[in-house]
Structure formats: C-alpha cells, structure tokens
C-alpha cells in the first residue's frame, strides 16, 4: 500500500527508539529492545549510529551497555531527529513538483504544502519527552 504522505523509515525507527529511551531514563537499553517490529535490527543499528554521531544518543559497549539519551528528552525535538537522519526536511506529495512539471498550475493545489507544513509543525513542536510520556501511558500520539 502506498501512502500519500510518508515519514522516512529511518525517522520512524528513530522516533520509536527515542521514546523508549526517554522512558528508560538513564538506564542503558540494548538495540534489540529499541526495535519495533517489523523493523530491521540492521537498519536500526545504522540509525542509532547516526543519532550517536549527532550527539542525540550515547552508546556503551559491553556488559551493561546499550543506548541512552545524549541530551535531556525535553531538549530534543522530533525535527532534530529528522534532520540528523535525513539532512533536510522535505515532504512533497506530487513527484513532479519541482522536477520540471510542464503544467502552469499544480493540480494538487496547496494540499502538498499544507500537509508538509502540518508535519513540519508537529515535528518542530513535539519533544522526545512528550512522546516518551505517551508511550509510558500507552496513549495514542496527538498534536501537543
């Protein structure tokens, strides 16, 4: 099934892992315990490496090792995660938008821009602390 607007898999894996880290506090969490199914452990490992390089998480090897947040959960916005993994934020609905479309007007009107702005606002306004609390309470995520 194709989604009209999608969040990159790397970002989705990272957001879920970061929520679990927020719940764990200062206790290190092993990679497999951060994985959501049907996600790939190999892909999550690469994601966590990028988050470590960006300073958003810390990793420890060996006994008692795993991952912890590198910054307070209240100081990490979901957009920080997106940028650390993807480099930029772009959400476009029409694959021809900005790629030399020959039509004088966009047939999707402003829906692409509106959807992109809604996602941008959510990722900019939402912290890891907030999604950690949602996970802890077992609630569905809503716009803060």
N, C-alpha and C. Protein backbone atom coordinates (compact mmCIF):
# COMPACT_ATOMS: atom_id res chain seq x y z
N UNK A 1 0.84 -1.18 0.00
CA UNK A 1 0.00 0.00 0.00
C UNK A 1 0.88 1.24 0.00
N UNK A 2 0.57 2.16 -0.85
CA UNK A 2 1.30 3.41 -0.96
C UNK A 2 0.61 4.48 -0.12
N UNK A 3 1.40 5.23 0.63
CA UNK A 3 0.85 6.29 1.47
C UNK A 3 0.99 7.63 0.76
N UNK A 4 -0.02 8.50 0.86
CA UNK A 4 0.08 9.79 0.17
C UNK A 4 1.16 10.68 0.75
N UNK A 5 1.38 10.62 2.04
CA UNK A 5 2.45 11.35 2.71
C UNK A 5 3.10 10.36 3.65
N UNK A 6 4.40 10.22 3.58
CA UNK A 6 5.04 9.23 4.44
C UNK A 6 6.25 9.82 5.15
N UNK A 7 6.53 9.24 6.30
CA UNK A 7 7.70 9.60 7.09
C UNK A 7 8.77 8.57 6.76
N UNK A 8 9.99 8.99 6.52
CA UNK A 8 11.04 8.02 6.19
C UNK A 8 11.15 6.93 7.27
N UNK A 9 11.42 5.71 6.84
CA UNK A 9 11.53 4.59 7.77
C UNK A 9 12.59 4.86 8.84
N UNK A 10 13.69 5.47 8.45
CA UNK A 10 14.75 5.76 9.43
C UNK A 10 14.24 6.67 10.53
N UNK A 11 13.45 7.66 10.16
CA UNK A 11 12.90 8.60 11.14
C UNK A 11 11.90 7.88 12.04
N UNK A 12 11.08 7.04 11.46
CA UNK A 12 10.09 6.29 12.25
C UNK A 12 10.79 5.38 13.26
N UNK A 13 11.80 4.65 12.81
CA UNK A 13 12.56 3.79 13.72
C UNK A 13 13.18 4.62 14.85
N UNK A 14 13.75 5.76 14.50
CA UNK A 14 14.42 6.61 15.48
C UNK A 14 13.44 7.19 16.49
N UNK A 15 12.31 7.66 16.05
CA UNK A 15 11.32 8.25 16.95
C UNK A 15 10.85 7.21 17.96
N UNK A 16 10.57 6.01 17.48
CA UNK A 16 10.14 4.94 18.39
C UNK A 16 11.24 4.59 19.39
N UNK A 17 12.47 4.50 18.91
CA UNK A 17 13.59 4.18 19.80
C UNK A 17 13.82 5.29 20.82
N UNK A 18 13.72 6.53 20.38
CA UNK A 18 13.94 7.66 21.28
C UNK A 18 12.86 7.72 22.35
N UNK A 19 11.63 7.37 22.01
CA UNK A 19 10.56 7.33 23.01
C UNK A 19 10.88 6.29 24.07
N UNK A 20 11.37 5.12 23.63
CA UNK A 20 11.74 4.07 24.59
C UNK A 20 12.91 4.52 25.47
N UNK A 21 13.85 5.25 24.90
CA UNK A 21 14.98 5.76 25.69
C UNK A 21 14.51 6.80 26.70
N UNK A 22 13.54 7.61 26.31
CA UNK A 22 13.00 8.61 27.24
C UNK A 22 12.35 7.93 28.44
N UNK A 23 11.67 6.84 28.20
CA UNK A 23 11.01 6.10 29.28
C UNK A 23 12.05 5.43 30.18
N UNK A 24 13.16 4.99 29.61
CA UNK A 24 14.16 4.25 30.38
C UNK A 24 14.98 5.14 31.32
N UNK A 25 14.91 6.45 31.13
CA UNK A 25 15.70 7.36 31.97
C UNK A 25 17.18 7.22 31.66
N UNK A 26 18.00 7.00 32.68
CA UNK A 26 19.44 6.88 32.48
C UNK A 26 19.89 5.43 32.30
N UNK A 27 18.95 4.51 32.33
CA UNK A 27 19.28 3.09 32.15
C UNK A 27 19.54 2.78 30.68
N UNK A 28 20.67 2.12 30.39
CA UNK A 28 21.02 1.78 29.02
C UNK A 28 20.07 0.72 28.48
N UNK A 29 19.69 0.88 27.21
CA UNK A 29 18.76 -0.03 26.56
C UNK A 29 19.46 -0.66 25.36
N UNK A 30 19.39 -1.98 25.28
CA UNK A 30 20.02 -2.71 24.19
C UNK A 30 19.27 -2.47 22.88
N UNK A 31 19.99 -2.57 21.78
CA UNK A 31 19.45 -2.31 20.45
C UNK A 31 18.16 -3.11 20.21
N UNK A 32 18.19 -4.41 20.48
CA UNK A 32 17.01 -5.24 20.19
C UNK A 32 15.80 -4.82 21.01
N UNK A 33 16.03 -4.20 22.17
CA UNK A 33 14.91 -3.73 22.98
C UNK A 33 14.34 -2.40 22.46
N UNK A 34 15.10 -1.74 21.61
CA UNK A 34 14.64 -0.49 20.99
C UNK A 34 13.89 -0.74 19.69
N UNK A 35 14.05 -1.91 19.13
CA UNK A 35 13.49 -2.24 17.82
C UNK A 35 11.98 -2.42 17.89
N UNK A 36 11.28 -1.85 16.92
CA UNK A 36 9.86 -2.10 16.77
C UNK A 36 9.69 -3.03 15.57
N UNK A 37 8.76 -3.93 15.66
CA UNK A 37 8.51 -4.86 14.56
C UNK A 37 7.49 -4.26 13.62
N UNK A 38 7.68 -4.44 12.34
CA UNK A 38 8.59 -5.34 11.65
C UNK A 38 9.91 -4.69 11.24
N UNK A 39 10.41 -3.73 12.00
CA UNK A 39 11.66 -3.06 11.67
C UNK A 39 12.86 -3.99 11.62
N UNK A 40 13.90 -3.52 10.97
CA UNK A 40 15.12 -4.29 10.80
C UNK A 40 16.16 -3.85 11.84
N UNK A 41 16.75 -4.81 12.54
CA UNK A 41 17.80 -4.51 13.52
C UNK A 41 19.01 -3.87 12.83
N UNK A 42 19.33 -4.32 11.62
CA UNK A 42 20.47 -3.76 10.90
C UNK A 42 20.20 -2.29 10.56
N UNK A 43 18.98 -1.99 10.14
CA UNK A 43 18.64 -0.61 9.81
C UNK A 43 18.64 0.25 11.07
N UNK A 44 18.06 -0.26 12.15
CA UNK A 44 18.05 0.49 13.41
C UNK A 44 19.47 0.75 13.89
N UNK A 45 20.36 -0.22 13.72
CA UNK A 45 21.75 -0.04 14.13
C UNK A 45 22.38 1.16 13.40
N UNK A 46 22.13 1.27 12.10
CA UNK A 46 22.65 2.41 11.32
C UNK A 46 22.03 3.72 11.78
N UNK A 47 20.73 3.68 12.09
CA UNK A 47 20.03 4.86 12.58
C UNK A 47 20.64 5.31 13.91
N UNK A 48 20.87 4.36 14.80
CA UNK A 48 21.42 4.70 16.12
C UNK A 48 22.84 5.24 15.99
N UNK A 49 23.61 4.74 15.03
CA UNK A 49 24.95 5.27 14.79
C UNK A 49 24.88 6.74 14.40
N UNK A 50 23.94 7.08 13.53
CA UNK A 50 23.78 8.48 13.11
C UNK A 50 23.34 9.36 14.28
N UNK A 51 22.43 8.85 15.09
CA UNK A 51 21.96 9.62 16.25
C UNK A 51 23.09 9.82 17.26
N UNK A 52 23.95 8.80 17.39
CA UNK A 52 25.11 8.91 18.28
C UNK A 52 26.07 9.97 17.75
N UNK A 53 26.33 9.92 16.46
CA UNK A 53 27.23 10.90 15.83
C UNK A 53 26.69 12.32 15.99
N UNK A 54 25.36 12.47 15.97
CA UNK A 54 24.73 13.78 16.13
C UNK A 54 24.67 14.22 17.59
N UNK A 55 25.03 13.31 18.51
CA UNK A 55 25.02 13.64 19.93
C UNK A 55 23.66 13.49 20.61
N UNK A 56 22.66 12.98 19.89
CA UNK A 56 21.33 12.82 20.47
C UNK A 56 21.25 11.61 21.38
N UNK A 57 22.10 10.61 21.13
CA UNK A 57 22.18 9.44 22.00
C UNK A 57 23.64 9.13 22.30
N UNK A 58 23.84 8.36 23.37
CA UNK A 58 25.16 7.85 23.72
C UNK A 58 25.09 6.35 23.66
N UNK A 59 26.20 5.74 23.28
CA UNK A 59 26.23 4.28 23.25
C UNK A 59 27.39 3.78 24.10
N UNK A 60 27.14 2.65 24.75
CA UNK A 60 28.18 1.99 25.54
C UNK A 60 28.24 0.53 25.11
N UNK A 61 29.45 0.05 24.94
CA UNK A 61 29.65 -1.35 24.56
C UNK A 61 29.83 -2.20 25.81
N UNK A 62 29.68 -3.50 25.60
CA UNK A 62 29.98 -4.45 26.66
C UNK A 62 28.86 -4.66 27.64
N UNK A 63 29.24 -5.29 28.75
CA UNK A 63 28.27 -5.62 29.79
C UNK A 63 27.64 -4.34 30.34
N UNK A 64 26.32 -4.34 30.43
CA UNK A 64 25.61 -3.16 30.90
C UNK A 64 25.54 -2.07 29.84
N UNK A 65 25.96 -2.42 28.64
CA UNK A 65 25.97 -1.44 27.56
C UNK A 65 24.61 -1.27 26.92
N UNK A 66 24.59 -0.41 25.94
CA UNK A 66 23.36 -0.11 25.22
C UNK A 66 23.33 1.37 24.90
N UNK A 67 22.13 1.89 24.77
CA UNK A 67 21.95 3.29 24.39
C UNK A 67 21.22 4.05 25.49
N UNK A 68 21.60 5.31 25.63
CA UNK A 68 20.90 6.26 26.50
C UNK A 68 20.78 7.57 25.72
N UNK A 69 19.90 8.43 26.17
CA UNK A 69 19.80 9.74 25.54
C UNK A 69 21.07 10.53 25.81
N UNK A 70 21.52 11.27 24.82
CA UNK A 70 22.70 12.10 24.97
C UNK A 70 22.37 13.51 25.42
N UNK A 71 21.10 13.84 25.38
CA UNK A 71 20.59 15.16 25.72
C UNK A 71 19.29 14.94 26.49
N UNK A 72 18.90 15.87 27.32
CA UNK A 72 17.62 15.76 28.02
C UNK A 72 16.49 15.58 27.01
N UNK A 73 15.57 14.69 27.33
CA UNK A 73 14.45 14.40 26.43
C UNK A 73 13.63 15.66 26.12
N UNK A 74 13.58 16.57 27.07
CA UNK A 74 12.81 17.81 26.85
C UNK A 74 13.50 18.76 25.87
N UNK A 75 14.78 18.51 25.61
CA UNK A 75 15.55 19.37 24.70
C UNK A 75 15.66 18.81 23.29
N UNK A 76 15.11 17.63 23.06
CA UNK A 76 15.19 17.02 21.73
C UNK A 76 13.83 17.10 21.07
N UNK A 77 13.77 17.78 19.97
CA UNK A 77 12.55 17.88 19.16
C UNK A 77 12.60 16.78 18.09
N UNK A 78 11.45 16.33 17.67
CA UNK A 78 11.42 15.30 16.63
C UNK A 78 12.09 15.79 15.35
N UNK A 79 12.03 17.11 15.11
CA UNK A 79 12.70 17.66 13.93
C UNK A 79 14.21 17.49 14.03
N UNK A 80 14.76 17.53 15.25
CA UNK A 80 16.21 17.29 15.43
C UNK A 80 16.57 15.89 14.94
N UNK A 81 15.70 14.94 15.22
CA UNK A 81 15.91 13.56 14.78
C UNK A 81 15.85 13.48 13.27
N UNK A 82 14.81 14.10 12.69
CA UNK A 82 14.63 14.08 11.22
C UNK A 82 15.88 14.65 10.55
N UNK A 83 16.33 15.81 11.01
CA UNK A 83 17.48 16.48 10.39
C UNK A 83 18.76 15.65 10.57
N UNK A 84 18.94 15.05 11.74
CA UNK A 84 20.13 14.23 11.99
C UNK A 84 20.19 13.05 11.02
N UNK A 85 19.04 12.52 10.66
CA UNK A 85 19.00 11.34 9.80
C UNK A 85 18.88 11.66 8.32
N UNK A 86 18.07 12.64 7.98
CA UNK A 86 17.77 12.92 6.58
C UNK A 86 18.49 14.15 6.02
N UNK A 87 19.04 14.97 6.91
CA UNK A 87 19.76 16.16 6.46
C UNK A 87 18.87 17.37 6.24
N UNK A 88 17.73 17.17 5.63
CA UNK A 88 16.78 18.26 5.40
C UNK A 88 15.37 17.73 5.61
N UNK A 89 14.43 18.65 5.69
CA UNK A 89 13.02 18.28 5.80
C UNK A 89 12.34 18.64 4.50
N UNK A 90 11.87 17.63 3.79
CA UNK A 90 11.09 17.85 2.57
C UNK A 90 9.99 16.81 2.52
N UNK A 91 8.77 17.27 2.39
CA UNK A 91 7.64 16.37 2.19
C UNK A 91 6.87 16.90 1.00
N UNK A 92 6.88 16.15 -0.06
CA UNK A 92 6.19 16.55 -1.28
C UNK A 92 5.25 15.43 -1.69
N UNK A 93 4.02 15.79 -2.01
CA UNK A 93 3.04 14.78 -2.40
C UNK A 93 3.21 14.40 -3.87
N UNK A 94 3.36 15.39 -4.72
CA UNK A 94 3.45 15.13 -6.16
C UNK A 94 4.91 14.91 -6.55
N UNK A 95 5.22 13.78 -7.18
CA UNK A 95 6.62 13.51 -7.55
C UNK A 95 7.13 14.45 -8.64
N UNK A 96 6.24 15.17 -9.31
CA UNK A 96 6.66 16.08 -10.37
C UNK A 96 6.88 17.50 -9.88
N UNK A 97 6.44 17.80 -8.66
CA UNK A 97 6.59 19.14 -8.10
C UNK A 97 8.07 19.47 -8.00
N UNK A 98 8.45 20.55 -8.62
CA UNK A 98 9.84 20.99 -8.56
C UNK A 98 10.77 20.20 -9.47
N UNK A 99 10.21 19.29 -10.26
CA UNK A 99 11.03 18.47 -11.16
C UNK A 99 10.70 18.74 -12.62
N UNK A 100 10.43 19.98 -12.95
CA UNK A 100 10.18 20.35 -14.34
C UNK A 100 8.78 20.08 -14.83
N UNK A 101 7.80 20.08 -13.94
CA UNK A 101 6.41 19.87 -14.35
C UNK A 101 6.05 20.95 -15.38
N UNK A 102 5.42 20.54 -16.46
CA UNK A 102 5.10 21.46 -17.55
C UNK A 102 3.73 22.11 -17.42
N UNK A 103 2.95 21.74 -16.41
CA UNK A 103 1.64 22.36 -16.24
C UNK A 103 1.78 23.74 -15.60
N UNK A 104 0.92 24.69 -15.97
CA UNK A 104 1.02 26.04 -15.42
C UNK A 104 0.57 26.15 -13.96
N UNK A 105 -0.23 25.19 -13.48
CA UNK A 105 -0.69 25.19 -12.09
C UNK A 105 -0.58 23.76 -11.55
N UNK A 106 -0.42 23.66 -10.24
CA UNK A 106 -0.37 22.34 -9.62
C UNK A 106 -1.79 21.82 -9.45
N UNK A 107 -2.04 20.63 -9.96
CA UNK A 107 -3.38 20.06 -9.88
C UNK A 107 -3.74 19.60 -8.47
N UNK A 108 -2.74 19.52 -7.60
CA UNK A 108 -2.99 19.17 -6.20
C UNK A 108 -3.17 20.41 -5.34
N UNK A 109 -3.19 21.58 -5.99
CA UNK A 109 -3.42 22.84 -5.29
C UNK A 109 -2.40 22.99 -4.16
N UNK A 110 -2.86 23.38 -2.99
CA UNK A 110 -1.94 23.62 -1.89
C UNK A 110 -1.88 22.46 -0.91
N UNK A 111 -2.50 21.32 -1.24
CA UNK A 111 -2.53 20.21 -0.29
C UNK A 111 -1.12 19.73 0.08
N UNK A 112 -0.22 19.69 -0.89
CA UNK A 112 1.15 19.27 -0.60
C UNK A 112 1.84 20.20 0.37
N UNK A 113 1.69 21.49 0.13
CA UNK A 113 2.29 22.50 1.01
C UNK A 113 1.64 22.44 2.40
N UNK A 114 0.32 22.30 2.42
CA UNK A 114 -0.40 22.24 3.70
C UNK A 114 0.00 21.01 4.51
N UNK A 115 0.08 19.86 3.85
CA UNK A 115 0.46 18.62 4.55
C UNK A 115 1.89 18.72 5.06
N UNK A 116 2.77 19.27 4.24
CA UNK A 116 4.16 19.43 4.63
C UNK A 116 4.27 20.35 5.85
N UNK A 117 3.50 21.43 5.85
CA UNK A 117 3.55 22.37 6.97
C UNK A 117 3.01 21.74 8.25
N UNK A 118 1.96 20.93 8.12
CA UNK A 118 1.40 20.25 9.29
C UNK A 118 2.44 19.30 9.90
N UNK A 119 3.12 18.54 9.05
CA UNK A 119 4.15 17.62 9.53
C UNK A 119 5.32 18.40 10.12
N UNK A 120 5.73 19.46 9.44
CA UNK A 120 6.84 20.30 9.94
C UNK A 120 6.50 20.85 11.33
N UNK A 121 5.29 21.37 11.49
CA UNK A 121 4.88 21.94 12.78
C UNK A 121 4.89 20.87 13.87
N UNK A 122 4.36 19.70 13.56
CA UNK A 122 4.32 18.62 14.55
C UNK A 122 5.73 18.22 14.97
N UNK A 123 6.60 18.02 14.01
CA UNK A 123 7.97 17.59 14.32
C UNK A 123 8.77 18.70 15.02
N UNK A 124 8.45 19.94 14.75
CA UNK A 124 9.13 21.06 15.40
C UNK A 124 8.63 21.27 16.83
N UNK A 125 7.34 21.05 17.05
CA UNK A 125 6.73 21.33 18.36
C UNK A 125 6.78 20.17 19.34
N UNK A 126 7.04 18.96 18.86
CA UNK A 126 6.95 17.78 19.71
C UNK A 126 8.32 17.35 20.20
N UNK A 127 8.43 17.10 21.51
CA UNK A 127 9.70 16.68 22.10
C UNK A 127 9.72 15.18 22.34
N UNK A 128 10.91 14.66 22.53
CA UNK A 128 11.08 13.25 22.89
C UNK A 128 10.47 13.00 24.27
N UNK A 129 10.57 13.98 25.15
CA UNK A 129 9.94 13.84 26.46
C UNK A 129 8.44 13.59 26.32
N UNK A 130 7.79 14.34 25.44
CA UNK A 130 6.35 14.20 25.23
C UNK A 130 5.98 12.81 24.70
N UNK A 131 6.71 12.34 23.69
CA UNK A 131 6.36 11.02 23.13
C UNK A 131 6.72 9.90 24.12
N UNK A 132 7.74 10.14 24.94
CA UNK A 132 8.08 9.16 25.98
C UNK A 132 6.94 9.03 26.97
N UNK A 133 6.34 10.16 27.35
CA UNK A 133 5.21 10.13 28.27
C UNK A 133 4.01 9.44 27.64
N UNK A 134 3.79 9.66 26.36
CA UNK A 134 2.70 8.97 25.67
C UNK A 134 2.91 7.46 25.68
N UNK A 135 4.15 7.06 25.41
CA UNK A 135 4.48 5.63 25.41
C UNK A 135 4.28 5.04 26.80
N UNK A 136 4.74 5.74 27.79
CA UNK A 136 4.62 5.28 29.17
C UNK A 136 3.16 5.09 29.57
N UNK A 137 2.32 6.01 29.13
CA UNK A 137 0.89 5.95 29.47
C UNK A 137 0.10 5.06 28.52
N UNK A 138 0.73 4.63 27.43
CA UNK A 138 0.03 3.80 26.45
C UNK A 138 -1.01 4.56 25.66
N UNK A 139 -0.77 5.85 25.46
CA UNK A 139 -1.72 6.69 24.74
C UNK A 139 -1.37 6.81 23.28
N UNK A 140 -2.37 7.17 22.51
CA UNK A 140 -2.17 7.47 21.10
C UNK A 140 -1.58 8.86 20.99
N UNK A 141 -0.64 9.01 20.08
CA UNK A 141 0.03 10.28 19.92
C UNK A 141 -0.92 11.29 19.29
N UNK A 142 -0.97 12.48 19.86
CA UNK A 142 -1.78 13.57 19.32
C UNK A 142 -0.92 14.82 19.27
N UNK A 143 -1.36 15.79 18.51
CA UNK A 143 -0.63 17.03 18.39
C UNK A 143 -0.67 17.75 19.74
N UNK A 144 0.51 18.14 20.29
CA UNK A 144 0.54 18.80 21.60
C UNK A 144 -0.15 20.15 21.58
